[in-house]
Every structure is written in C-alpha cells, then in structure tokens.
Amino acid sequence: MIKTARRLPAIALPALVGGALLLGAAAPALAQNDAAFRATTFSLSAYGETNVAPDMATITLGVQTQQATAAEAMKANGAQMNQVMAALKKAGIAERDIQTSNLNLNAQYAYEQNQPPKLTGYQASNQVTITVRDLTKLGAAVDATVGAGANTINGISFGLKNPQVAEDAARLEAVKALQAKAELYGRATGYKAVRLVNLNEGAGFSQPTPPMPVMAFAKREMADSTSISAGELKVRVDVSATYEAAK
C-alpha cells in the first residue's frame, strides 16, 4: 500500500527581525516608543502666584429667636428677619445679592439628672448670605443688619468679580518658574532643555471663593462701628511640563 502525504494549507507567519517578532501595524508604534525611551527628558512642576486686592465680599448673617411654641418662634423670627432684609436693601445691597442659606426650627430641652428631658420651647434660625460688590458699603451693611435685629454672623470671605487678569498673571509667573527650573537642572546635569514636549495646568486655582474663610474678618471697634480689612488675595496656578533634553 502506498500512502500519499496530505498538503496542509499555508500559514503566513510574522517576520522575525533581530530576534523580535514584528506584528504588522504594531511595528511603527514600537519604534516610536523605543525612540521616546531613548530620549532624555525633564519632567518638572512649578507654580506662580500673584497678590491682588479683592473687590467683592460675601458674609453670612441671620436671626435666631426662641419662643414657647414652634409657631411663635417662627413668627418672631420672620418679623425680625424682615427688618434685617429691609436694612440690607436700604444699605444698598441688591435683592439678587441676598440668598437664604439656612432655615432651622429646633425643639429645646432641659436636662436634669435622673429625669426625662423637659421641653422648654422652640428655637428658630434664619440665615442669609449676602454679596457685597462695593466694599465701601460692607461695614455699614453689617452695622445696619445688627441694628435691625441680626444676632448671628458666621463668617466673611473676599473674592474677585473678574479673576481672569489675576489668573493670567499667575500663569506667566508659573511658566517663568518652570523655565528657570529647567535651566537649573540643565546646568546641574550637563543637559540642555531643547524642546517643550507638553505643558499641563492644574485643575484649579487657589483664589478663594465664597464661602471659604480667608484672611480678614469683621472686627468690632469700641466706637460702635464695624471695621473690616480686606487685605489681599493670593491667586496661585500650578503647572507641570516635560522637556526633551540633549547634551
């Protein structure tokens, strides 16, 4: 009996180059990665800051009242808060810049040892956050509200109506610091940054926005006027970059 060998179908195998298996379109990518691996790079980060005087402020204030019943507490609070709102508008604060930020009604109890809690009344509180766009009116606005019945002030913060100019100034300072750092590393290592490969900016800025507390707080003076110092805001921008370096 004579047996004949069957011919198997031909199978194309990837080429072997220098012991490495190149798989079609992957070859250019591998070559590119290899080139990037061989390059010397500086990966650096820096930040830029600028100081600027604020031109707006936000402050949270309100009214807290206590009465025997919940209805009486809310009624007294509403009447007192209406006087505060009228005082704010009279002080030049626009209605769009007044926003209710907190409204609470809580039962009040007295606690004695070995005795069940005893209901003593109800406490109502109403707070508003106001935006003052003219800082010369800030002290007068606080005085007016306290005179009208506001008895809680929880904090003040300062900001910028248009932070773009300050942010751009901080960006320029950040890039200058980045370039200076690249030159310093170049002198230290004997390499020179020859090409900027990429530049990234941080996700946020350090310029505080309401309701974050910042440098200055209201201070009650002996002359019964509220003196408020705005100080300066520090605007910061963080950047990072990769430079290609060469001898």
Foldseek 3Di string as FASTA:
>chain_A
DDDDDDDDDDDDAADQDPNDGDDPPCVVVVVVVVVVVPFDKDKDKFKFKDKDFFQKKKWKWWAKAWDAEQVVQVVVRVVLVVLLVVLLVVLPFDPVFKAWDDWDKAWDWDDDPPDDTHTRTMMIMTMIMGMGRGVVSVQVSVLSNVVSHIDDIDAMATAHPDCPVRQVNGVVRRVVVVQVVQVVVCVVPVKHFDFWPDKAKDPDKPFDDPPDHDDWTWDQDPVRTIDTDRGITMIMIMMITMTGIDD
